[in-house]
Amino acid sequence: MSSKPEREANVFAAEILLPDDEVIRLINDAEMNFFRAARELYVPPELMDFKFQILKNRGYRLEAPLNATGDFLKK
């Protein structure tokens, strides 16, 4: 389990580094998958998972193949 400040920092980073339109464009590409999109955007898959959570809260239907915790950068 991660702390609330860690989670908030990860959500902030996901918002700054991953524009909604860019993530949606990549995910809608038939050739793209979750992990490849993360590589294309130069972010760890865990950060992409945080962005997916944000987009899901905005009404997008997305499922990430992992469930990242806030302390993923410690590893």
PDB file of N, CA and C in Angstrom:
ATOM      1  N   MET A   1       0.845  -1.177   0.000  1.00  0.00           N
ATOM      2  CA  MET A   1       0.000   0.000   0.000  1.00  0.00           C
ATOM      3  C   MET A   1       0.891   1.241   0.000  1.00  0.00           C
ATOM      4  N   SER A   2       0.512   2.221  -0.755  1.00  0.00           N
ATOM      5  CA  SER A   2       1.301   3.444  -0.815  1.00  0.00           C
ATOM      6  C   SER A   2       0.584   4.561  -0.062  1.00  0.00           C
ATOM      7  N   SER A   3       1.311   5.600   0.205  1.00  0.00           N
ATOM      8  CA  SER A   3       0.735   6.718   0.945  1.00  0.00           C
ATOM      9  C   SER A   3      -0.074   7.614   0.009  1.00  0.00           C
ATOM     10  N   LYS A   4      -0.933   8.407   0.606  1.00  0.00           N
ATOM     11  CA  LYS A   4      -1.748   9.345  -0.168  1.00  0.00           C
ATOM     12  C   LYS A   4      -0.880  10.344  -0.931  1.00  0.00           C
ATOM     13  N   PRO A   5       0.175  10.909  -0.316  1.00  0.00           N
ATOM     14  CA  PRO A   5       1.025  11.835  -1.083  1.00  0.00           C
ATOM     15  C   PRO A   5       1.696  11.173  -2.292  1.00  0.00           C
ATOM     16  N   GLU A   6       2.104   9.905  -2.155  1.00  0.00           N
ATOM     17  CA  GLU A   6       2.710   9.197  -3.297  1.00  0.00           C
ATOM     18  C   GLU A   6       1.695   9.055  -4.414  1.00  0.00           C
ATOM     19  N   ARG A   7       0.490   8.661  -4.058  1.00  0.00           N
ATOM     20  CA  ARG A   7      -0.557   8.494  -5.066  1.00  0.00           C
ATOM     21  C   ARG A   7      -0.844   9.827  -5.759  1.00  0.00           C
ATOM     22  N   GLU A   8      -0.978  10.879  -4.978  1.00  0.00           N
ATOM     23  CA  GLU A   8      -1.245  12.196  -5.554  1.00  0.00           C
ATOM     24  C   GLU A   8      -0.113  12.645  -6.474  1.00  0.00           C
ATOM     25  N   ALA A   9       1.115  12.363  -6.103  1.00  0.00           N
ATOM     26  CA  ALA A   9       2.264  12.713  -6.943  1.00  0.00           C
ATOM     27  C   ALA A   9       2.225  11.945  -8.259  1.00  0.00           C
ATOM     28  N   ASN A  10       1.853  10.676  -8.209  1.00  0.00           N
ATOM     29  CA  ASN A  10       1.778   9.868  -9.426  1.00  0.00           C
ATOM     30  C   ASN A  10       0.648  10.335 -10.336  1.00  0.00           C
ATOM     31  N   VAL A  11      -0.477  10.694  -9.751  1.00  0.00           N
ATOM     32  CA  VAL A  11      -1.593  11.217 -10.543  1.00  0.00           C
ATOM     33  C   VAL A  11      -1.166  12.532 -11.206  1.00  0.00           C
ATOM     34  N   PHE A  12      -0.498  13.395 -10.458  1.00  0.00           N
ATOM     35  CA  PHE A  12      -0.009  14.660 -11.005  1.00  0.00           C
ATOM     36  C   PHE A  12       0.958  14.402 -12.169  1.00  0.00           C
ATOM     37  N   ALA A  13       1.902  13.491 -11.975  1.00  0.00           N
ATOM     38  CA  ALA A  13       2.869  13.161 -13.028  1.00  0.00           C
ATOM     39  C   ALA A  13       2.169  12.614 -14.264  1.00  0.00           C
ATOM     40  N   ALA A  14       1.185  11.749 -14.064  1.00  0.00           N
ATOM     41  CA  ALA A  14       0.445  11.186 -15.193  1.00  0.00           C
ATOM     42  C   ALA A  14      -0.275  12.281 -15.972  1.00  0.00           C
ATOM     43  N   GLU A  15      -0.840  13.250 -15.261  1.00  0.00           N
ATOM     44  CA  GLU A  15      -1.541  14.339 -15.924  1.00  0.00           C
ATOM     45  C   GLU A  15      -0.583  15.240 -16.705  1.00  0.00           C
ATOM     46  N   ILE A  16       0.574  15.509 -16.131  1.00  0.00           N
ATOM     47  CA  ILE A  16       1.552  16.393 -16.782  1.00  0.00           C
ATOM     48  C   ILE A  16       2.220  15.713 -17.981  1.00  0.00           C
ATOM     49  N   LEU A  17       2.614  14.449 -17.813  1.00  0.00           N
ATOM     50  CA  LEU A  17       3.406  13.762 -18.836  1.00  0.00           C
ATOM     51  C   LEU A  17       2.588  13.083 -19.928  1.00  0.00           C
ATOM     52  N   LEU A  18       1.307  12.831 -19.654  1.00  0.00           N
ATOM     53  CA  LEU A  18       0.503  12.044 -20.587  1.00  0.00           C
ATOM     54  C   LEU A  18      -0.778  12.789 -20.973  1.00  0.00           C
ATOM     55  N   PRO A  19      -0.728  13.556 -22.048  1.00  0.00           N
ATOM     56  CA  PRO A  19      -1.939  14.259 -22.493  1.00  0.00           C
ATOM     57  C   PRO A  19      -3.035  13.260 -22.877  1.00  0.00           C
ATOM     58  N   ASP A  20      -4.254  13.561 -22.481  1.00  0.00           N
ATOM     59  CA  ASP A  20      -5.382  12.669 -22.756  1.00  0.00           C
ATOM     60  C   ASP A  20      -5.460  12.279 -24.227  1.00  0.00           C
ATOM     61  N   ASP A  21      -5.410  13.262 -25.107  1.00  0.00           N
ATOM     62  CA  ASP A  21      -5.580  12.986 -26.532  1.00  0.00           C
ATOM     63  C   ASP A  21      -4.488  12.077 -27.086  1.00  0.00           C
ATOM     64  N   GLU A  22      -3.274  12.215 -26.579  1.00  0.00           N
ATOM     65  CA  GLU A  22      -2.174  11.367 -27.048  1.00  0.00           C
ATOM     66  C   GLU A  22      -2.355   9.919 -26.584  1.00  0.00           C
ATOM     67  N   VAL A  23      -2.747   9.734 -25.353  1.00  0.00           N
ATOM     68  CA  VAL A  23      -2.988   8.381 -24.830  1.00  0.00           C
ATOM     69  C   VAL A  23      -4.131   7.728 -25.592  1.00  0.00           C
ATOM     70  N   ILE A  24      -5.227   8.442 -25.767  1.00  0.00           N
ATOM     71  CA  ILE A  24      -6.389   7.897 -26.486  1.00  0.00           C
ATOM     72  C   ILE A  24      -6.017   7.559 -27.926  1.00  0.00           C
ATOM     73  N   ARG A  25      -5.256   8.431 -28.578  1.00  0.00           N
ATOM     74  CA  ARG A  25      -4.833   8.168 -29.967  1.00  0.00           C
ATOM     75  C   ARG A  25      -4.034   6.870 -30.057  1.00  0.00           C
ATOM     76  N   LEU A  26      -3.089   6.694 -29.145  1.00  0.00           N
ATOM     77  CA  LEU A  26      -2.268   5.481 -29.177  1.00  0.00           C
ATOM     78  C   LEU A  26      -3.084   4.230 -28.853  1.00  0.00           C
ATOM     79  N   ILE A  27      -3.931   4.310 -27.862  1.00  0.00           N
ATOM     80  CA  ILE A  27      -4.710   3.136 -27.466  1.00  0.00           C
ATOM     81  C   ILE A  27      -5.708   2.735 -28.546  1.00  0.00           C
ATOM     82  N   ASN A  28      -6.203   3.699 -29.317  1.00  0.00           N
ATOM     83  CA  ASN A  28      -7.139   3.394 -30.397  1.00  0.00           C
ATOM     84  C   ASN A  28      -6.461   2.806 -31.628  1.00  0.00           C
ATOM     85  N   ASP A  29      -5.154   2.877 -31.696  1.00  0.00           N
ATOM     86  CA  ASP A  29      -4.398   2.301 -32.805  1.00  0.00           C
ATOM     87  C   ASP A  29      -4.462   0.778 -32.690  1.00  0.00           C
ATOM     88  N   ALA A  30      -4.916   0.118 -33.728  1.00  0.00           N
ATOM     89  CA  ALA A  30      -5.086  -1.342 -33.715  1.00  0.00           C
ATOM     90  C   ALA A  30      -3.773  -2.080 -33.470  1.00  0.00           C
ATOM     91  N   GLU A  31      -2.668  -1.490 -33.847  1.00  0.00           N
ATOM     92  CA  GLU A  31      -1.366  -2.124 -33.687  1.00  0.00           C
ATOM     93  C   GLU A  31      -0.773  -1.930 -32.286  1.00  0.00           C
ATOM     94  N   MET A  32      -1.404  -1.104 -31.470  1.00  0.00           N
ATOM     95  CA  MET A  32      -0.834  -0.701 -30.194  1.00  0.00           C
ATOM     96  C   MET A  32      -1.475  -1.484 -29.050  1.00  0.00           C
ATOM     97  N   ASN A  33      -0.670  -1.794 -28.048  1.00  0.00           N
ATOM     98  CA  ASN A  33      -1.204  -2.350 -26.813  1.00  0.00           C
ATOM     99  C   ASN A  33      -0.737  -1.471 -25.655  1.00  0.00           C
ATOM    100  N   PHE A  34      -1.189  -1.770 -24.471  1.00  0.00           N
ATOM    101  CA  PHE A  34      -0.919  -0.961 -23.284  1.00  0.00           C
ATOM    102  C   PHE A  34       0.580  -0.746 -23.072  1.00  0.00           C
ATOM    103  N   PHE A  35       1.358  -1.827 -23.090  1.00  0.00           N
ATOM    104  CA  PHE A  35       2.789  -1.726 -22.798  1.00  0.00           C
ATOM    105  C   PHE A  35       3.554  -1.021 -23.911  1.00  0.00           C
ATOM    106  N   ARG A  36       3.155  -1.257 -25.126  1.00  0.00           N
ATOM    107  CA  ARG A  36       3.806  -0.583 -26.260  1.00  0.00           C
ATOM    108  C   ARG A  36       3.500   0.914 -26.240  1.00  0.00           C
ATOM    109  N   ALA A  37       2.275   1.272 -25.876  1.00  0.00           N
ATOM    110  CA  ALA A  37       1.917   2.688 -25.770  1.00  0.00           C
ATOM    111  C   ALA A  37       2.749   3.367 -24.686  1.00  0.00           C
ATOM    112  N   ALA A  38       2.949   2.699 -23.564  1.00  0.00           N
ATOM    113  CA  ALA A  38       3.784   3.262 -22.492  1.00  0.00           C
ATOM    114  C   ALA A  38       5.204   3.493 -22.999  1.00  0.00           C
ATOM    115  N   ARG A  39       5.754   2.521 -23.724  1.00  0.00           N
ATOM    116  CA  ARG A  39       7.103   2.683 -24.292  1.00  0.00           C
ATOM    117  C   ARG A  39       7.142   3.857 -25.272  1.00  0.00           C
ATOM    118  N   GLU A  40       6.119   3.948 -26.099  1.00  0.00           N
ATOM    119  CA  GLU A  40       6.042   5.024 -27.093  1.00  0.00           C
ATOM    120  C   GLU A  40       6.023   6.406 -26.419  1.00  0.00           C
ATOM    121  N   LEU A  41       5.422   6.474 -25.238  1.00  0.00           N
ATOM    122  CA  LEU A  41       5.316   7.738 -24.496  1.00  0.00           C
ATOM    123  C   LEU A  41       6.457   7.919 -23.495  1.00  0.00           C
ATOM    124  N   TYR A  42       7.380   6.974 -23.464  1.00  0.00           N
ATOM    125  CA  TYR A  42       8.562   7.040 -22.591  1.00  0.00           C
ATOM    126  C   TYR A  42       8.208   7.122 -21.105  1.00  0.00           C
ATOM    127  N   VAL A  43       7.228   6.323 -20.705  1.00  0.00           N
ATOM    128  CA  VAL A  43       6.846   6.266 -19.290  1.00  0.00           C
ATOM    129  C   VAL A  43       6.759   4.817 -18.846  1.00  0.00           C
ATOM    130  N   PRO A  44       6.936   4.558 -17.560  1.00  0.00           N
ATOM    131  CA  PRO A  44       6.754   3.196 -17.066  1.00  0.00           C
ATOM    132  C   PRO A  44       5.282   2.788 -17.177  1.00  0.00           C
ATOM    133  N   PRO A  45       5.017   1.510 -17.382  1.00  0.00           N
ATOM    134  CA  PRO A  45       3.625   1.048 -17.479  1.00  0.00           C
ATOM    135  C   PRO A  45       2.791   1.424 -16.250  1.00  0.00           C
ATOM    136  N   GLU A  46       3.428   1.484 -15.102  1.00  0.00           N
ATOM    137  CA  GLU A  46       2.694   1.836 -13.888  1.00  0.00           C
ATOM    138  C   GLU A  46       2.134   3.257 -13.966  1.00  0.00           C
ATOM    139  N   LEU A  47       2.893   4.171 -14.576  1.00  0.00           N
ATOM    140  CA  LEU A  47       2.395   5.537 -14.727  1.00  0.00           C
ATOM    141  C   LEU A  47       1.248   5.571 -15.736  1.00  0.00           C
ATOM    142  N   MET A  48       1.354   4.749 -16.762  1.00  0.00           N
ATOM    143  CA  MET A  48       0.263   4.644 -17.734  1.00  0.00           C
ATOM    144  C   MET A  48      -0.993   4.116 -17.043  1.00  0.00           C
ATOM    145  N   ASP A  49      -0.826   3.200 -16.095  1.00  0.00           N
ATOM    146  CA  ASP A  49      -1.967   2.691 -15.335  1.00  0.00           C
ATOM    147  C   ASP A  49      -2.651   3.822 -14.562  1.00  0.00           C
ATOM    148  N   PHE A  50      -1.863   4.699 -13.971  1.00  0.00           N
ATOM    149  CA  PHE A  50      -2.453   5.846 -13.275  1.00  0.00           C
ATOM    150  C   PHE A  50      -3.248   6.707 -14.253  1.00  0.00           C
ATOM    151  N   LYS A  51      -2.726   6.913 -15.463  1.00  0.00           N
ATOM    152  CA  LYS A  51      -3.452   7.703 -16.461  1.00  0.00           C
ATOM    153  C   LYS A  51      -4.745   7.000 -16.855  1.00  0.00           C
ATOM    154  N   PHE A  52      -4.706   5.681 -16.974  1.00  0.00           N
ATOM    155  CA  PHE A  52      -5.920   4.935 -17.287  1.00  0.00           C
ATOM    156  C   PHE A  52      -6.960   5.130 -16.193  1.00  0.00           C
ATOM    157  N   GLN A  53      -6.532   5.115 -14.946  1.00  0.00           N
ATOM    158  CA  GLN A  53      -7.467   5.331 -13.840  1.00  0.00           C
ATOM    159  C   GLN A  53      -8.107   6.711 -13.938  1.00  0.00           C
ATOM    160  N   ILE A  54      -7.316   7.711 -14.283  1.00  0.00           N
ATOM    161  CA  ILE A  54      -7.836   9.072 -14.457  1.00  0.00           C
ATOM    162  C   ILE A  54      -8.869   9.106 -15.584  1.00  0.00           C
ATOM    163  N   LEU A  55      -8.512   8.508 -16.715  1.00  0.00           N
ATOM    164  CA  LEU A  55      -9.418   8.503 -17.863  1.00  0.00           C
ATOM    165  C   LEU A  55     -10.696   7.719 -17.567  1.00  0.00           C
ATOM    166  N   LYS A  56     -10.582   6.631 -16.829  1.00  0.00           N
ATOM    167  CA  LYS A  56     -11.778   5.874 -16.447  1.00  0.00           C
ATOM    168  C   LYS A  56     -12.703   6.731 -15.595  1.00  0.00           C
ATOM    169  N   ASN A  57     -12.139   7.520 -14.707  1.00  0.00           N
ATOM    170  CA  ASN A  57     -12.951   8.421 -13.880  1.00  0.00           C
ATOM    171  C   ASN A  57     -13.623   9.501 -14.720  1.00  0.00           C
ATOM    172  N   ARG A  58     -13.086   9.763 -15.894  1.00  0.00           N
ATOM    173  CA  ARG A  58     -13.679  10.749 -16.811  1.00  0.00           C
ATOM    174  C   ARG A  58     -14.677  10.104 -17.772  1.00  0.00           C
ATOM    175  N   GLY A  59     -14.905   8.815 -17.629  1.00  0.00           N
ATOM    176  CA  GLY A  59     -15.921   8.143 -18.431  1.00  0.00           C
ATOM    177  C   GLY A  59     -15.420   7.275 -19.562  1.00  0.00           C
ATOM    178  N   TYR A  60     -14.112   7.199 -19.783  1.00  0.00           N
ATOM    179  CA  TYR A  60     -13.573   6.332 -20.834  1.00  0.00           C
ATOM    180  C   TYR A  60     -13.621   4.885 -20.367  1.00  0.00           C
ATOM    181  N   ARG A  61     -13.842   3.999 -21.289  1.00  0.00           N
ATOM    182  CA  ARG A  61     -13.847   2.566 -20.982  1.00  0.00           C
ATOM    183  C   ARG A  61     -12.485   1.976 -21.316  1.00  0.00           C
ATOM    184  N   LEU A  62     -11.653   1.886 -20.308  1.00  0.00           N
ATOM    185  CA  LEU A  62     -10.287   1.393 -20.473  1.00  0.00           C
ATOM    186  C   LEU A  62      -9.992   0.375 -19.381  1.00  0.00           C
ATOM    187  N   GLU A  63      -9.217  -0.615 -19.728  1.00  0.00           N
ATOM    188  CA  GLU A  63      -8.758  -1.591 -18.745  1.00  0.00           C
ATOM    189  C   GLU A  63      -7.255  -1.756 -18.900  1.00  0.00           C
ATOM    190  N   ALA A  64      -6.547  -1.556 -17.827  1.00  0.00           N
ATOM    191  CA  ALA A  64      -5.101  -1.754 -17.827  1.00  0.00           C
ATOM    192  C   ALA A  64      -4.795  -3.177 -17.377  1.00  0.00           C
ATOM    193  N   PRO A  65      -3.748  -3.779 -17.931  1.00  0.00           N
ATOM    194  CA  PRO A  65      -3.399  -5.151 -17.553  1.00  0.00           C
ATOM    195  C   PRO A  65      -2.642  -5.253 -16.230  1.00  0.00           C
ATOM    196  N   LEU A  66      -2.544  -4.167 -15.502  1.00  0.00           N
ATOM    197  CA  LEU A  66      -1.899  -4.207 -14.190  1.00  0.00           C
ATOM    198  C   LEU A  66      -2.596  -3.218 -13.276  1.00  0.00           C
ATOM    199  N   ASN A  67      -2.281  -3.312 -11.992  1.00  0.00           N
ATOM    200  CA  ASN A  67      -2.844  -2.391 -11.008  1.00  0.00           C
ATOM    201  C   ASN A  67      -1.683  -1.829 -10.204  1.00  0.00           C
ATOM    202  N   ALA A  68      -1.184  -0.697 -10.618  1.00  0.00           N
ATOM    203  CA  ALA A  68       0.025  -0.106 -10.025  1.00  0.00           C
ATOM    204  C   ALA A  68      -0.249   0.461  -8.639  1.00  0.00           C
ATOM    205  N   THR A  69       0.753   0.339  -7.792  1.00  0.00           N
ATOM    206  CA  THR A  69       0.705   0.991  -6.500  1.00  0.00           C
ATOM    207  C   THR A  69       1.537   2.257  -6.596  1.00  0.00           C
ATOM    208  N   GLY A  70       1.354   3.159  -5.669  1.00  0.00           N
ATOM    209  CA  GLY A  70       2.018   4.448  -5.715  1.00  0.00           C
ATOM    210  C   GLY A  70       3.515   4.396  -5.522  1.00  0.00           C
ATOM    211  N   ASP A  71       4.034   3.314  -5.007  1.00  0.00           N
ATOM    212  CA  ASP A  71       5.470   3.245  -4.723  1.00  0.00           C
ATOM    213  C   ASP A  71       6.272   2.535  -5.814  1.00  0.00           C
ATOM    214  N   PHE A  72       5.763   2.476  -7.029  1.00  0.00           N
ATOM    215  CA  PHE A  72       6.429   1.727  -8.098  1.00  0.00           C
ATOM    216  C   PHE A  72       7.810   2.285  -8.440  1.00  0.00           C
ATOM    217  N   LEU A  73       8.054   3.558  -8.204  1.00  0.00           N
ATOM    218  CA  LEU A  73       9.374   4.124  -8.516  1.00  0.00           C
ATOM    219  C   LEU A  73      10.450   3.721  -7.530  1.00  0.00           C
ATOM    220  N   LYS A  74      10.069   3.191  -6.382  1.00  0.00           N
ATOM    221  CA  LYS A  74      11.054   2.745  -5.389  1.00  0.00           C
ATOM    222  C   LYS A  74      11.780   1.478  -5.841  1.00  0.00           C
ATOM    223  N   LYS A  75      11.178   0.747  -6.751  1.00  0.00           N
ATOM    224  CA  LYS A  75      11.735  -0.560  -7.153  1.00  0.00           C
ATOM    225  C   LYS A  75      12.853  -0.428  -8.146  1.00  0.00           C
TER     226      LYS A  75
END
